[in-house]
Amino acid sequence: MLFSLLCYCVDCQKASGTGHVPIMGVARSGFTVDGPAVMSTVTGGSGLRAIRNFCANCHSVLFGTPEAAPDFVTIYAGSLDDRHLFTPEKAQFTRTRQAWDTLPAGLPAYQEAAP
């Protein structure tokens, strides 16, 4: 795993229907998918395509392959079989965080993309 974070960008809010998305980043090299996935593309905050991949059977969002970060894949933590694999290390795009969506205490937060 390269990183684990909570993303509060407007694009993630729209994709999830809530205030943020818990995301894990992994290296694109060696990443494989078992089973059919359906791709959807929108313009992300960077101006480049944000590509989301959904389960072809249940339509849950599984992972992203953002053009802004071609070396990694973003896995949506809600899709994990083992929920305990995800622990957020930081939060990003908090400048667009909804007032009702509170940040976990002590979590490093960045108004833009996290380093």
C-alpha atoms as a PDB file:
ATOM      1  CA  MET A   1       0.000   0.000   0.000  1.00  0.00           C
ATOM      2  CA  LEU A   2       1.298   3.445  -0.919  1.00  0.00           C
ATOM      3  CA  PHE A   3      -1.166   5.514   1.122  1.00  0.00           C
ATOM      4  CA  SER A   4      -4.533   5.507   2.862  1.00  0.00           C
ATOM      5  CA  LEU A   5      -6.554   8.682   3.188  1.00  0.00           C
ATOM      6  CA  LEU A   6      -9.913  10.357   3.363  1.00  0.00           C
ATOM      7  CA  CYS A   7     -10.647  12.475   0.291  1.00  0.00           C
ATOM      8  CA  TYR A   8     -13.049  15.390   0.701  1.00  0.00           C
ATOM      9  CA  CYS A   9     -12.892  16.691  -2.898  1.00  0.00           C
ATOM     10  CA  VAL A  10     -16.173  17.625  -4.574  1.00  0.00           C
ATOM     11  CA  ASP A  11     -15.724  14.880  -7.159  1.00  0.00           C
ATOM     12  CA  CYS A  12     -15.472  12.208  -4.431  1.00  0.00           C
ATOM     13  CA  GLN A  13     -18.482  13.706  -2.657  1.00  0.00           C
ATOM     14  CA  LYS A  14     -20.534  13.387  -5.835  1.00  0.00           C
ATOM     15  CA  ALA A  15     -19.268   9.871  -6.576  1.00  0.00           C
ATOM     16  CA  SER A  16     -20.060   8.624  -3.075  1.00  0.00           C
ATOM     17  CA  GLY A  17     -23.176  10.617  -2.306  1.00  0.00           C
ATOM     18  CA  THR A  18     -21.645  11.632   1.025  1.00  0.00           C
ATOM     19  CA  GLY A  19     -18.946  13.910   2.440  1.00  0.00           C
ATOM     20  CA  HIS A  20     -15.774  11.989   1.651  1.00  0.00           C
ATOM     21  CA  VAL A  21     -14.340   8.742   0.314  1.00  0.00           C
ATOM     22  CA  PRO A  22     -11.878   6.473   2.141  1.00  0.00           C
ATOM     23  CA  ILE A  23      -9.181   5.527  -0.391  1.00  0.00           C
ATOM     24  CA  MET A  24      -6.130   3.263  -0.441  1.00  0.00           C
ATOM     25  CA  GLY A  25      -3.442   3.776  -3.069  1.00  0.00           C
ATOM     26  CA  VAL A  26      -1.508   0.851  -4.517  1.00  0.00           C
ATOM     27  CA  ALA A  27       1.058   0.607  -7.310  1.00  0.00           C
ATOM     28  CA  ARG A  28      -0.520   0.136 -10.719  1.00  0.00           C
ATOM     29  CA  SER A  29       2.154  -2.351 -11.721  1.00  0.00           C
ATOM     30  CA  GLY A  30       1.046  -5.747 -10.505  1.00  0.00           C
ATOM     31  CA  PHE A  31      -2.551  -4.637  -9.809  1.00  0.00           C
ATOM     32  CA  THR A  32      -5.046  -7.165 -11.133  1.00  0.00           C
ATOM     33  CA  VAL A  33      -8.813  -7.543 -11.030  1.00  0.00           C
ATOM     34  CA  ASP A  34     -10.774 -10.784 -10.862  1.00  0.00           C
ATOM     35  CA  GLY A  35     -14.186 -10.528 -12.446  1.00  0.00           C
ATOM     36  CA  PRO A  36     -15.856  -8.041 -14.745  1.00  0.00           C
ATOM     37  CA  ALA A  37     -15.639  -4.313 -14.087  1.00  0.00           C
ATOM     38  CA  VAL A  38     -17.404  -1.431 -15.817  1.00  0.00           C
ATOM     39  CA  MET A  39     -15.572   1.860 -16.355  1.00  0.00           C
ATOM     40  CA  SER A  40     -17.003   5.370 -15.990  1.00  0.00           C
ATOM     41  CA  THR A  41     -15.103   8.565 -16.757  1.00  0.00           C
ATOM     42  CA  VAL A  42     -15.548  12.138 -15.516  1.00  0.00           C
ATOM     43  CA  THR A  43     -13.306  15.177 -15.499  1.00  0.00           C
ATOM     44  CA  GLY A  44     -11.561  15.302 -12.141  1.00  0.00           C
ATOM     45  CA  GLY A  45     -10.413  18.308 -10.136  1.00  0.00           C
ATOM     46  CA  SER A  46      -7.077  18.254 -11.975  1.00  0.00           C
ATOM     47  CA  GLY A  47      -8.828  18.742 -15.314  1.00  0.00           C
ATOM     48  CA  LEU A  48      -7.780  15.231 -16.346  1.00  0.00           C
ATOM     49  CA  ARG A  49     -10.022  12.193 -16.505  1.00  0.00           C
ATOM     50  CA  ALA A  50     -10.977  10.495 -13.262  1.00  0.00           C
ATOM     51  CA  ILE A  51     -11.738   6.896 -14.192  1.00  0.00           C
ATOM     52  CA  ARG A  52     -13.855   4.847 -11.808  1.00  0.00           C
ATOM     53  CA  ASN A  53     -14.366   1.125 -12.100  1.00  0.00           C
ATOM     54  CA  PHE A  54     -17.520  -0.556 -10.840  1.00  0.00           C
ATOM     55  CA  CYS A  55     -18.487  -4.165 -10.236  1.00  0.00           C
ATOM     56  CA  ALA A  56     -20.385  -5.317 -13.334  1.00  0.00           C
ATOM     57  CA  ASN A  57     -22.750  -7.341 -11.128  1.00  0.00           C
ATOM     58  CA  CYS A  58     -23.661  -5.096  -8.178  1.00  0.00           C
ATOM     59  CA  HIS A  59     -22.393  -1.735  -9.538  1.00  0.00           C
ATOM     60  CA  SER A  60     -20.433  -0.864  -6.390  1.00  0.00           C
ATOM     61  CA  VAL A  61     -17.476   1.434  -7.031  1.00  0.00           C
ATOM     62  CA  LEU A  62     -14.306  -0.626  -6.620  1.00  0.00           C
ATOM     63  CA  PHE A  63     -11.251   1.302  -7.752  1.00  0.00           C
ATOM     64  CA  GLY A  64     -10.040   4.293  -9.714  1.00  0.00           C
ATOM     65  CA  THR A  65      -7.316   4.799 -12.285  1.00  0.00           C
ATOM     66  CA  PRO A  66      -6.899   8.591 -12.340  1.00  0.00           C
ATOM     67  CA  GLU A  67      -5.006  10.106 -15.261  1.00  0.00           C
ATOM     68  CA  ALA A  68      -3.513  12.639 -12.820  1.00  0.00           C
ATOM     69  CA  ALA A  69      -1.685   9.765 -11.085  1.00  0.00           C
ATOM     70  CA  PRO A  70      -0.856   7.135 -13.706  1.00  0.00           C
ATOM     71  CA  ASP A  71       1.459   5.103 -11.453  1.00  0.00           C
ATOM     72  CA  PHE A  72      -1.141   4.028  -8.917  1.00  0.00           C
ATOM     73  CA  VAL A  73      -4.657   2.716  -8.483  1.00  0.00           C
ATOM     74  CA  THR A  74      -7.051   4.065  -5.867  1.00  0.00           C
ATOM     75  CA  ILE A  75      -9.044   1.367  -4.112  1.00  0.00           C
ATOM     76  CA  TYR A  76     -12.282   2.445  -2.482  1.00  0.00           C
ATOM     77  CA  ALA A  77     -12.012   1.107   1.072  1.00  0.00           C
ATOM     78  CA  GLY A  78     -15.723   0.320   1.236  1.00  0.00           C
ATOM     79  CA  SER A  79     -15.184  -2.381  -1.377  1.00  0.00           C
ATOM     80  CA  LEU A  80     -12.638  -4.324   0.689  1.00  0.00           C
ATOM     81  CA  ASP A  81     -13.560  -7.817   1.842  1.00  0.00           C
ATOM     82  CA  ASP A  82     -11.452  -7.223   4.972  1.00  0.00           C
ATOM     83  CA  ARG A  83     -12.489  -3.798   6.299  1.00  0.00           C
ATOM     84  CA  HIS A  84      -9.664  -3.867   8.834  1.00  0.00           C
ATOM     85  CA  LEU A  85      -7.090  -3.346   6.076  1.00  0.00           C
ATOM     86  CA  PHE A  86      -7.966   0.358   5.959  1.00  0.00           C
ATOM     87  CA  THR A  87      -6.823   2.941   8.494  1.00  0.00           C
ATOM     88  CA  PRO A  88      -6.649   6.537   7.259  1.00  0.00           C
ATOM     89  CA  GLU A  89      -3.264   8.241   7.593  1.00  0.00           C
ATOM     90  CA  LYS A  90      -4.319  11.703   6.401  1.00  0.00           C
ATOM     91  CA  ALA A  91      -7.101  13.737   4.814  1.00  0.00           C
ATOM     92  CA  GLN A  92      -6.989  15.764   1.607  1.00  0.00           C
ATOM     93  CA  PHE A  93      -9.006  18.519  -0.094  1.00  0.00           C
ATOM     94  CA  THR A  94     -10.415  19.591   3.246  1.00  0.00           C
ATOM     95  CA  ARG A  95     -11.084  23.089   1.847  1.00  0.00           C
ATOM     96  CA  THR A  96     -14.202  21.602   0.216  1.00  0.00           C
ATOM     97  CA  ARG A  97     -15.214  19.481   3.223  1.00  0.00           C
ATOM     98  CA  GLN A  98     -18.877  19.745   4.175  1.00  0.00           C
ATOM     99  CA  ALA A  99     -19.327  21.425   7.578  1.00  0.00           C
ATOM    100  CA  TRP A 100     -21.300  18.415   8.863  1.00  0.00           C
ATOM    101  CA  ASP A 101     -18.563  15.936   7.873  1.00  0.00           C
ATOM    102  CA  THR A 102     -16.078  16.146  10.729  1.00  0.00           C
ATOM    103  CA  LEU A 103     -12.416  15.222  10.487  1.00  0.00           C
ATOM    104  CA  PRO A 104     -11.143  12.484  12.802  1.00  0.00           C
ATOM    105  CA  ALA A 105      -9.214  14.022  15.701  1.00  0.00           C
ATOM    106  CA  GLY A 106      -5.457  14.073  15.190  1.00  0.00           C
ATOM    107  CA  LEU A 107      -5.572  13.129  11.507  1.00  0.00           C
ATOM    108  CA  PRO A 108      -3.175  15.285   9.436  1.00  0.00           C
ATOM    109  CA  ALA A 109      -5.316  17.369   7.070  1.00  0.00           C
ATOM    110  CA  TYR A 110      -4.438  19.180   3.846  1.00  0.00           C
ATOM    111  CA  GLN A 111      -6.554  21.763   2.047  1.00  0.00           C
ATOM    112  CA  GLU A 112      -5.276  20.493  -1.311  1.00  0.00           C
ATOM    113  CA  ALA A 113      -3.829  17.135  -2.403  1.00  0.00           C
ATOM    114  CA  ALA A 114      -1.985  15.382   0.405  1.00  0.00           C
ATOM    115  CA  PRO A 115       1.765  14.932  -0.065  1.00  0.00           C
END
